[in-house]
């Protein structure tokens, strides 16, 4: 059975760490040598220990390998810069072309276009206009549908409220007796007036006749004048008879004298 896989992390024990460094450094240099021999590759390995001690291996000489690495790095950097410059130029050209097309769609810079290019631009604008109209119609249809749904919800809510009101009215008692809109009132002398029972009902309310002078009857001005005139006609005979009787009695007393 092979060894178990260990966790790759820093070894806390200094002695164990130094032993592991020595073993793995030797194994690394051995693998580098085998790789250079087996694959005919140029290999260079540089290792610095914790204390700063240098360990290295090179299949073709360390300086030669480092010089080659430096040349390759500089050439790679210059090539990367050239590639970046080319990409920047391409992006600039693309931006300029897009700006020209944008101006042409706005109706500007059309002098440089040929008849065929103008036809193509016209077709593009026509298709774009159709797409815009279709989108606008879809939005209008959606808004109309939303409005219709809102109206339906409002109608349902109103219907629910009406049903609730009807249910509440069904629980309340019904009033069937008649409530008069007004009540006839007369200001009279409380000493000489007698009210019958149920005087607040218009059909049962009556006021007894009285000879009191303090009685005040409410009504229209014409009715009050007629009423006073009739009462005066009734009282006039009694006053004449009293005057006649008085005159007759006086005459009898004079004749006796």
C-alpha atoms as a PDB file:
ATOM      1  CA  UNK A   1       0.000   0.000   0.000  1.00  0.00           C
ATOM      2  CA  UNK A   2       1.227   3.489  -0.865  1.00  0.00           C
ATOM      3  CA  UNK A   3       1.562   6.343   1.535  1.00  0.00           C
ATOM      4  CA  UNK A   4      -1.530   8.329   2.394  1.00  0.00           C
ATOM      5  CA  UNK A   5      -2.041  11.763   0.905  1.00  0.00           C
ATOM      6  CA  UNK A   6      -0.898  14.493   3.279  1.00  0.00           C
ATOM      7  CA  UNK A   7      -2.428  17.943   3.605  1.00  0.00           C
ATOM      8  CA  UNK A   8      -0.463  20.664   1.837  1.00  0.00           C
ATOM      9  CA  UNK A   9       0.136  23.338   4.477  1.00  0.00           C
ATOM     10  CA  UNK A  10       3.084  24.861   6.369  1.00  0.00           C
ATOM     11  CA  UNK A  11       4.785  22.453   8.760  1.00  0.00           C
ATOM     12  CA  UNK A  12       4.865  23.997  12.223  1.00  0.00           C
ATOM     13  CA  UNK A  13       7.710  21.852  13.641  1.00  0.00           C
ATOM     14  CA  UNK A  14      11.085  23.314  12.577  1.00  0.00           C
ATOM     15  CA  UNK A  15      12.938  19.980  12.521  1.00  0.00           C
ATOM     16  CA  UNK A  16      10.250  18.253  10.494  1.00  0.00           C
ATOM     17  CA  UNK A  17      10.129  21.224   8.136  1.00  0.00           C
ATOM     18  CA  UNK A  18      13.900  21.068   7.533  1.00  0.00           C
ATOM     19  CA  UNK A  19      13.809  17.329   6.878  1.00  0.00           C
ATOM     20  CA  UNK A  20      10.924  17.684   4.450  1.00  0.00           C
ATOM     21  CA  UNK A  21      12.727  20.525   2.625  1.00  0.00           C
ATOM     22  CA  UNK A  22      15.872  18.469   2.144  1.00  0.00           C
ATOM     23  CA  UNK A  23      13.993  15.437   0.846  1.00  0.00           C
ATOM     24  CA  UNK A  24      11.708  17.317  -1.536  1.00  0.00           C
ATOM     25  CA  UNK A  25      14.531  19.568  -2.818  1.00  0.00           C
ATOM     26  CA  UNK A  26      16.555  16.540  -3.759  1.00  0.00           C
ATOM     27  CA  UNK A  27      13.559  14.961  -5.407  1.00  0.00           C
ATOM     28  CA  UNK A  28      12.817  18.161  -7.372  1.00  0.00           C
ATOM     29  CA  UNK A  29      16.378  18.431  -8.703  1.00  0.00           C
ATOM     30  CA  UNK A  30      16.326  14.750  -9.619  1.00  0.00           C
ATOM     31  CA  UNK A  31      13.056  15.137 -11.530  1.00  0.00           C
ATOM     32  CA  UNK A  32      14.451  18.196 -13.366  1.00  0.00           C
ATOM     33  CA  UNK A  33      17.513  16.198 -14.456  1.00  0.00           C
ATOM     34  CA  UNK A  34      15.359  13.284 -15.619  1.00  0.00           C
ATOM     35  CA  UNK A  35      13.082  15.655 -17.567  1.00  0.00           C
ATOM     36  CA  UNK A  36      16.028  17.248 -19.377  1.00  0.00           C
ATOM     37  CA  UNK A  37      17.541  13.867 -20.279  1.00  0.00           C
ATOM     38  CA  UNK A  38      14.354  12.059 -21.257  1.00  0.00           C
ATOM     39  CA  UNK A  39      12.750  14.883 -23.245  1.00  0.00           C
ATOM     40  CA  UNK A  40      15.871  16.760 -24.438  1.00  0.00           C
ATOM     41  CA  UNK A  41      14.562  19.918 -22.781  1.00  0.00           C
ATOM     42  CA  UNK A  42      16.468  22.879 -21.397  1.00  0.00           C
ATOM     43  CA  UNK A  43      15.674  22.913 -17.693  1.00  0.00           C
ATOM     44  CA  UNK A  44      16.826  25.282 -14.946  1.00  0.00           C
ATOM     45  CA  UNK A  45      15.794  25.171 -11.300  1.00  0.00           C
ATOM     46  CA  UNK A  46      16.623  27.785  -8.650  1.00  0.00           C
ATOM     47  CA  UNK A  47      15.764  27.212  -4.991  1.00  0.00           C
ATOM     48  CA  UNK A  48      16.449  29.423  -1.949  1.00  0.00           C
ATOM     49  CA  UNK A  49      16.058  27.908   1.485  1.00  0.00           C
ATOM     50  CA  UNK A  50      14.575  29.601   4.558  1.00  0.00           C
ATOM     51  CA  UNK A  51      18.066  30.672   5.642  1.00  0.00           C
ATOM     52  CA  UNK A  52      18.880  32.075   2.169  1.00  0.00           C
ATOM     53  CA  UNK A  53      21.046  29.237   0.885  1.00  0.00           C
ATOM     54  CA  UNK A  54      20.968  28.742  -2.901  1.00  0.00           C
ATOM     55  CA  UNK A  55      20.337  25.413  -4.636  1.00  0.00           C
ATOM     56  CA  UNK A  56      20.214  25.272  -8.449  1.00  0.00           C
ATOM     57  CA  UNK A  57      20.255  22.922 -11.434  1.00  0.00           C
ATOM     58  CA  UNK A  58      20.626  23.710 -15.140  1.00  0.00           C
ATOM     59  CA  UNK A  59      20.885  21.298 -17.998  1.00  0.00           C
ATOM     60  CA  UNK A  60      22.620  23.840 -20.346  1.00  0.00           C
ATOM     61  CA  UNK A  61      24.146  26.357 -17.961  1.00  0.00           C
ATOM     62  CA  UNK A  62      22.287  28.760 -15.708  1.00  0.00           C
ATOM     63  CA  UNK A  63      23.476  31.977 -17.424  1.00  0.00           C
ATOM     64  CA  UNK A  64      22.601  30.692 -20.876  1.00  0.00           C
ATOM     65  CA  UNK A  65      19.160  29.626 -19.724  1.00  0.00           C
ATOM     66  CA  UNK A  66      18.555  32.955 -17.919  1.00  0.00           C
ATOM     67  CA  UNK A  67      19.692  34.932 -20.974  1.00  0.00           C
ATOM     68  CA  UNK A  68      17.374  32.985 -23.201  1.00  0.00           C
ATOM     69  CA  UNK A  69      14.579  33.529 -20.714  1.00  0.00           C
ATOM     70  CA  UNK A  70      15.255  37.284 -20.677  1.00  0.00           C
ATOM     71  CA  UNK A  71      15.231  37.519 -24.482  1.00  0.00           C
ATOM     72  CA  UNK A  72      12.055  35.521 -24.667  1.00  0.00           C
ATOM     73  CA  UNK A  73      10.413  37.691 -22.005  1.00  0.00           C
ATOM     74  CA  UNK A  74      11.316  40.916 -23.817  1.00  0.00           C
ATOM     75  CA  UNK A  75      10.155  39.545 -27.147  1.00  0.00           C
ATOM     76  CA  UNK A  76       6.933  38.355 -25.547  1.00  0.00           C
ATOM     77  CA  UNK A  77       6.380  41.780 -24.041  1.00  0.00           C
ATOM     78  CA  UNK A  78       7.013  43.551 -27.348  1.00  0.00           C
ATOM     79  CA  UNK A  79       4.761  41.104 -29.150  1.00  0.00           C
ATOM     80  CA  UNK A  80       2.060  41.633 -26.559  1.00  0.00           C
ATOM     81  CA  UNK A  81       2.410  45.385 -26.991  1.00  0.00           C
ATOM     82  CA  UNK A  82       2.134  45.051 -30.768  1.00  0.00           C
ATOM     83  CA  UNK A  83      -0.936  42.903 -30.400  1.00  0.00           C
ATOM     84  CA  UNK A  84      -2.453  45.443 -28.032  1.00  0.00           C
ATOM     85  CA  UNK A  85      -1.754  48.254 -30.490  1.00  0.00           C
ATOM     86  CA  UNK A  86      -3.352  46.327 -33.334  1.00  0.00           C
ATOM     87  CA  UNK A  87      -6.399  45.586 -31.208  1.00  0.00           C
ATOM     88  CA  UNK A  88      -6.669  49.253 -30.235  1.00  0.00           C
ATOM     89  CA  UNK A  89      -6.496  50.308 -33.894  1.00  0.00           C
ATOM     90  CA  UNK A  90      -9.187  47.823 -34.840  1.00  0.00           C
ATOM     91  CA  UNK A  91     -11.421  49.083 -32.045  1.00  0.00           C
ATOM     92  CA  UNK A  92     -10.914  52.685 -33.149  1.00  0.00           C
ATOM     93  CA  UNK A  93     -11.846  51.816 -36.730  1.00  0.00           C
ATOM     94  CA  UNK A  94     -14.923  49.978 -35.537  1.00  0.00           C
ATOM     95  CA  UNK A  95     -15.989  52.921 -33.384  1.00  0.00           C
ATOM     96  CA  UNK A  96     -15.571  55.353 -36.280  1.00  0.00           C
ATOM     97  CA  UNK A  97     -17.667  53.111 -38.548  1.00  0.00           C
ATOM     98  CA  UNK A  98     -20.406  52.844 -35.933  1.00  0.00           C
ATOM     99  CA  UNK A  99     -20.444  56.623 -35.500  1.00  0.00           C
ATOM    100  CA  UNK A 100     -20.826  57.087 -39.265  1.00  0.00           C
ATOM    101  CA  UNK A 101     -23.706  54.623 -39.404  1.00  0.00           C
ATOM    102  CA  UNK A 102     -25.356  56.343 -36.466  1.00  0.00           C
ATOM    103  CA  UNK A 103     -25.161  59.708 -38.238  1.00  0.00           C
ATOM    104  CA  UNK A 104     -26.528  58.165 -41.441  1.00  0.00           C
ATOM    105  CA  UNK A 105     -29.501  56.714 -39.556  1.00  0.00           C
ATOM    106  CA  UNK A 106     -30.175  60.263 -38.330  1.00  0.00           C
ATOM    107  CA  UNK A 107     -30.130  61.553 -41.905  1.00  0.00           C
ATOM    108  CA  UNK A 108     -26.662  63.103 -41.755  1.00  0.00           C
ATOM    109  CA  UNK A 109     -23.546  62.466 -43.811  1.00  0.00           C
ATOM    110  CA  UNK A 110     -25.447  61.002 -46.774  1.00  0.00           C
ATOM    111  CA  UNK A 111     -23.359  62.728 -49.454  1.00  0.00           C
ATOM    112  CA  UNK A 112     -20.741  59.992 -49.449  1.00  0.00           C
ATOM    113  CA  UNK A 113     -23.300  57.217 -50.013  1.00  0.00           C
ATOM    114  CA  UNK A 114     -24.138  55.764 -53.395  1.00  0.00           C
ATOM    115  CA  UNK A 115     -27.639  55.061 -54.692  1.00  0.00           C
ATOM    116  CA  UNK A 116     -27.475  51.408 -53.677  1.00  0.00           C
ATOM    117  CA  UNK A 117     -26.218  52.297 -50.226  1.00  0.00           C
ATOM    118  CA  UNK A 118     -29.083  54.771 -49.868  1.00  0.00           C
ATOM    119  CA  UNK A 119     -31.551  52.041 -50.839  1.00  0.00           C
ATOM    120  CA  UNK A 120     -30.092  49.733 -48.211  1.00  0.00           C
ATOM    121  CA  UNK A 121     -30.315  52.500 -45.619  1.00  0.00           C
ATOM    122  CA  UNK A 122     -33.943  53.107 -46.594  1.00  0.00           C
ATOM    123  CA  UNK A 123     -34.748  49.427 -46.154  1.00  0.00           C
ATOM    124  CA  UNK A 124     -33.094  49.406 -42.742  1.00  0.00           C
ATOM    125  CA  UNK A 125     -35.103  52.430 -41.631  1.00  0.00           C
ATOM    126  CA  UNK A 126     -38.329  50.878 -42.971  1.00  0.00           C
ATOM    127  CA  UNK A 127     -37.810  47.632 -41.076  1.00  0.00           C
ATOM    128  CA  UNK A 128     -36.837  49.576 -37.970  1.00  0.00           C
ATOM    129  CA  UNK A 129     -40.040  51.631 -38.252  1.00  0.00           C
ATOM    130  CA  UNK A 130     -42.132  48.452 -38.544  1.00  0.00           C
ATOM    131  CA  UNK A 131     -40.462  47.009 -35.459  1.00  0.00           C
ATOM    132  CA  UNK A 132     -41.103  50.220 -33.520  1.00  0.00           C
ATOM    133  CA  UNK A 133     -44.793  50.237 -34.494  1.00  0.00           C
ATOM    134  CA  UNK A 134     -45.225  46.598 -33.550  1.00  0.00           C
ATOM    135  CA  UNK A 135     -43.637  47.227 -30.164  1.00  0.00           C
ATOM    136  CA  UNK A 136     -45.868  50.271 -29.613  1.00  0.00           C
ATOM    137  CA  UNK A 137     -49.002  48.285 -30.501  1.00  0.00           C
ATOM    138  CA  UNK A 138     -48.016  45.516 -28.083  1.00  0.00           C
ATOM    139  CA  UNK A 139     -47.519  48.042 -25.309  1.00  0.00           C
ATOM    140  CA  UNK A 140     -50.904  49.628 -26.028  1.00  0.00           C
ATOM    141  CA  UNK A 141     -52.587  46.215 -25.979  1.00  0.00           C
ATOM    142  CA  UNK A 142     -50.952  45.424 -22.641  1.00  0.00           C
ATOM    143  CA  UNK A 143     -52.098  48.754 -21.177  1.00  0.00           C
ATOM    144  CA  UNK A 144     -55.669  48.195 -22.409  1.00  0.00           C
ATOM    145  CA  UNK A 145     -55.718  44.728 -20.903  1.00  0.00           C
ATOM    146  CA  UNK A 146     -54.462  46.059 -17.591  1.00  0.00           C
ATOM    147  CA  UNK A 147     -57.151  48.767 -17.617  1.00  0.00           C
ATOM    148  CA  UNK A 148     -59.850  46.187 -18.346  1.00  0.00           C
ATOM    149  CA  UNK A 149     -58.637  43.990 -15.509  1.00  0.00           C
ATOM    150  CA  UNK A 150     -58.642  46.975 -13.134  1.00  0.00           C
ATOM    151  CA  UNK A 151     -62.237  47.792 -14.103  1.00  0.00           C
ATOM    152  CA  UNK A 152     -63.278  44.193 -13.548  1.00  0.00           C
ATOM    153  CA  UNK A 153     -61.632  44.164 -10.126  1.00  0.00           C
ATOM    154  CA  UNK A 154     -63.383  47.439  -9.254  1.00  0.00           C
ATOM    155  CA  UNK A 155     -66.764  46.015 -10.338  1.00  0.00           C
ATOM    156  CA  UNK A 156     -66.185  42.895  -8.269  1.00  0.00           C
ATOM    157  CA  UNK A 157     -65.299  44.996  -5.247  1.00  0.00           C
ATOM    158  CA  UNK A 158     -68.420  47.141  -5.696  1.00  0.00           C
ATOM    159  CA  UNK A 159     -70.570  44.037  -6.048  1.00  0.00           C
ATOM    160  CA  UNK A 160     -69.053  42.606  -2.891  1.00  0.00           C
ATOM    161  CA  UNK A 161     -69.759  45.839  -1.022  1.00  0.00           C
ATOM    162  CA  UNK A 162     -73.385  45.886  -2.215  1.00  0.00           C
ATOM    163  CA  UNK A 163     -73.826  42.287  -1.133  1.00  0.00           C
ATOM    164  CA  UNK A 164     -72.391  43.072   2.290  1.00  0.00           C
ATOM    165  CA  UNK A 165     -74.738  46.064   2.664  1.00  0.00           C
ATOM    166  CA  UNK A 166     -77.735  43.908   1.759  1.00  0.00           C
ATOM    167  CA  UNK A 167     -76.675  41.289   4.280  1.00  0.00           C
ATOM    168  CA  UNK A 168     -76.372  43.945   6.984  1.00  0.00           C
ATOM    169  CA  UNK A 169     -79.818  45.339   6.114  1.00  0.00           C
ATOM    170  CA  UNK A 170     -81.316  41.880   6.395  1.00  0.00           C
ATOM    171  CA  UNK A 171     -80.163  41.727  10.036  1.00  0.00           C
ATOM    172  CA  UNK A 172     -81.677  45.136  10.939  1.00  0.00           C
ATOM    173  CA  UNK A 173     -85.414  45.401  11.993  1.00  0.00           C
ATOM    174  CA  UNK A 174     -87.849  46.938   9.510  1.00  0.00           C
ATOM    175  CA  UNK A 175     -89.879  50.071  10.490  1.00  0.00           C
ATOM    176  CA  UNK A 176     -93.470  49.975   9.179  1.00  0.00           C
ATOM    177  CA  UNK A 177     -95.323  52.609  11.302  1.00  0.00           C
ATOM    178  CA  UNK A 178     -95.839  56.101   9.883  1.00  0.00           C
ATOM    179  CA  UNK A 179     -93.731  58.972  11.175  1.00  0.00           C
ATOM    180  CA  UNK A 180     -95.379  62.350  10.456  1.00  0.00           C
ATOM    181  CA  UNK A 181     -93.323  64.989   8.757  1.00  0.00           C
ATOM    182  CA  UNK A 182     -94.648  67.744  11.051  1.00  0.00           C
ATOM    183  CA  UNK A 183     -96.792  68.178  14.213  1.00  0.00           C
ATOM    184  CA  UNK A 184     -99.353  70.936  14.741  1.00  0.00           C
ATOM    185  CA  UNK A 185     -98.598  72.865  17.901  1.00  0.00           C
ATOM    186  CA  UNK A 186    -100.709  75.438  19.774  1.00  0.00           C
ATOM    187  CA  UNK A 187     -99.449  77.662  22.555  1.00  0.00           C
ATOM    188  CA  UNK A 188    -102.201  77.759  25.211  1.00  0.00           C
ATOM    189  CA  UNK A 189    -102.690  78.562  28.851  1.00  0.00           C
ATOM    190  CA  UNK A 190    -101.744  75.414  30.818  1.00  0.00           C
ATOM    191  CA  UNK A 191    -104.399  76.206  33.520  1.00  0.00           C
ATOM    192  CA  UNK A 192    -107.372  76.097  31.146  1.00  0.00           C
ATOM    193  CA  UNK A 193    -106.127  73.539  28.608  1.00  0.00           C
ATOM    194  CA  UNK A 194    -106.654  69.794  28.695  1.00  0.00           C
ATOM    195  CA  UNK A 195    -104.771  67.555  26.197  1.00  0.00           C
ATOM    196  CA  UNK A 196    -106.106  64.136  25.242  1.00  0.00           C
ATOM    197  CA  UNK A 197    -103.921  61.074  25.184  1.00  0.00           C
ATOM    198  CA  UNK A 198    -101.862  60.533  22.054  1.00  0.00           C
ATOM    199  CA  UNK A 199    -101.619  64.270  21.315  1.00  0.00           C
ATOM    200  CA  UNK A 200     -98.378  63.780  19.424  1.00  0.00           C
ATOM    201  CA  UNK A 201    -100.219  61.767  16.748  1.00  0.00           C
ATOM    202  CA  UNK A 202    -101.737  63.961  14.055  1.00  0.00           C
ATOM    203  CA  UNK A 203    -104.932  61.825  13.848  1.00  0.00           C
ATOM    204  CA  UNK A 204    -105.650  61.714  17.663  1.00  0.00           C
ATOM    205  CA  UNK A 205    -104.510  65.166  18.732  1.00  0.00           C
ATOM    206  CA  UNK A 206    -107.319  67.675  19.664  1.00  0.00           C
ATOM    207  CA  UNK A 207    -107.540  70.822  21.726  1.00  0.00           C
ATOM    208  CA  UNK A 208    -110.561  71.435  24.020  1.00  0.00           C
ATOM    209  CA  UNK A 209    -112.478  74.644  23.707  1.00  0.00           C
ATOM    210  CA  UNK A 210    -111.781  77.344  26.326  1.00  0.00           C
ATOM    211  CA  UNK A 211    -113.023  80.848  26.972  1.00  0.00           C
ATOM    212  CA  UNK A 212    -109.675  82.058  28.242  1.00  0.00           C
ATOM    213  CA  UNK A 213    -108.375  85.239  26.659  1.00  0.00           C
ATOM    214  CA  UNK A 214    -104.836  83.978  26.892  1.00  0.00           C
ATOM    215  CA  UNK A 215    -105.413  81.208  24.292  1.00  0.00           C
ATOM    216  CA  UNK A 216    -103.068  81.554  21.313  1.00  0.00           C
ATOM    217  CA  UNK A 217    -103.894  79.652  18.152  1.00  0.00           C
ATOM    218  CA  UNK A 218    -101.357  79.194  15.374  1.00  0.00           C
ATOM    219  CA  UNK A 219    -102.408  79.220  11.754  1.00  0.00           C
ATOM    220  CA  UNK A 220    -102.545  81.329   8.638  1.00  0.00           C
ATOM    221  CA  UNK A 221    -103.238  85.066   9.003  1.00  0.00           C
ATOM    222  CA  UNK A 222    -106.459  84.829   6.997  1.00  0.00           C
ATOM    223  CA  UNK A 223    -107.788  81.945   9.086  1.00  0.00           C
ATOM    224  CA  UNK A 224    -107.013  83.806  12.333  1.00  0.00           C
ATOM    225  CA  UNK A 225    -108.874  86.921  11.100  1.00  0.00           C
ATOM    226  CA  UNK A 226    -111.943  84.872  10.135  1.00  0.00           C
ATOM    227  CA  UNK A 227    -111.863  83.091  13.465  1.00  0.00           C
ATOM    228  CA  UNK A 228    -111.739  86.370  15.423  1.00  0.00           C
ATOM    229  CA  UNK A 229    -114.594  87.777  13.329  1.00  0.00           C
ATOM    230  CA  UNK A 230    -116.833  84.767  14.060  1.00  0.00           C
ATOM    231  CA  UNK A 231    -116.111  85.001  17.783  1.00  0.00           C
ATOM    232  CA  UNK A 232    -116.989  88.708  17.731  1.00  0.00           C
ATOM    233  CA  UNK A 233    -120.319  87.926  16.022  1.00  0.00           C
ATOM    234  CA  UNK A 234    -121.144  85.396  18.724  1.00  0.00           C
ATOM    235  CA  UNK A 235    -120.326  87.808  21.573  1.00  0.00           C
ATOM    236  CA  UNK A 236    -122.205  90.835  20.158  1.00  0.00           C
ATOM    237  CA  UNK A 237    -125.790  89.628  20.950  1.00  0.00           C
ATOM    238  CA  UNK A 238    -124.944  88.928  24.539  1.00  0.00           C
ATOM    239  CA  UNK A 239    -123.525  92.416  24.977  1.00  0.00           C
ATOM    240  CA  UNK A 240    -126.655  94.013  23.400  1.00  0.00           C
ATOM    241  CA  UNK A 241    -128.946  92.039  25.684  1.00  0.00           C
ATOM    242  CA  UNK A 242    -126.952  93.084  28.733  1.00  0.00           C
ATOM    243  CA  UNK A 243    -127.218  96.738  27.648  1.00  0.00           C
ATOM    244  CA  UNK A 244    -130.988  96.397  27.088  1.00  0.00           C
ATOM    245  CA  UNK A 245    -131.534  94.774  30.449  1.00  0.00           C
ATOM    246  CA  UNK A 246    -129.535  97.445  32.173  1.00  0.00           C
ATOM    247  CA  UNK A 247    -131.485 100.244  30.467  1.00  0.00           C
ATOM    248  CA  UNK A 248    -134.818  98.628  31.318  1.00  0.00           C
ATOM    249  CA  UNK A 249    -133.883  98.223  34.972  1.00  0.00           C
ATOM    250  CA  UNK A 250    -132.871 101.851  35.228  1.00  0.00           C
ATOM    251  CA  UNK A 251    -136.173 102.981  33.691  1.00  0.00           C
ATOM    252  CA  UNK A 252    -138.116 100.904  36.192  1.00  0.00           C
ATOM    253  CA  UNK A 253    -136.189 102.467  39.062  1.00  0.00           C
ATOM    254  CA  UNK A 254    -136.889 105.931  37.740  1.00  0.00           C
ATOM    255  CA  UNK A 255    -140.682 105.256  37.379  1.00  0.00           C
ATOM    256  CA  UNK A 256    -140.848 103.893  40.928  1.00  0.00           C
ATOM    257  CA  UNK A 257    -139.170 106.960  42.207  1.00  0.00           C
END
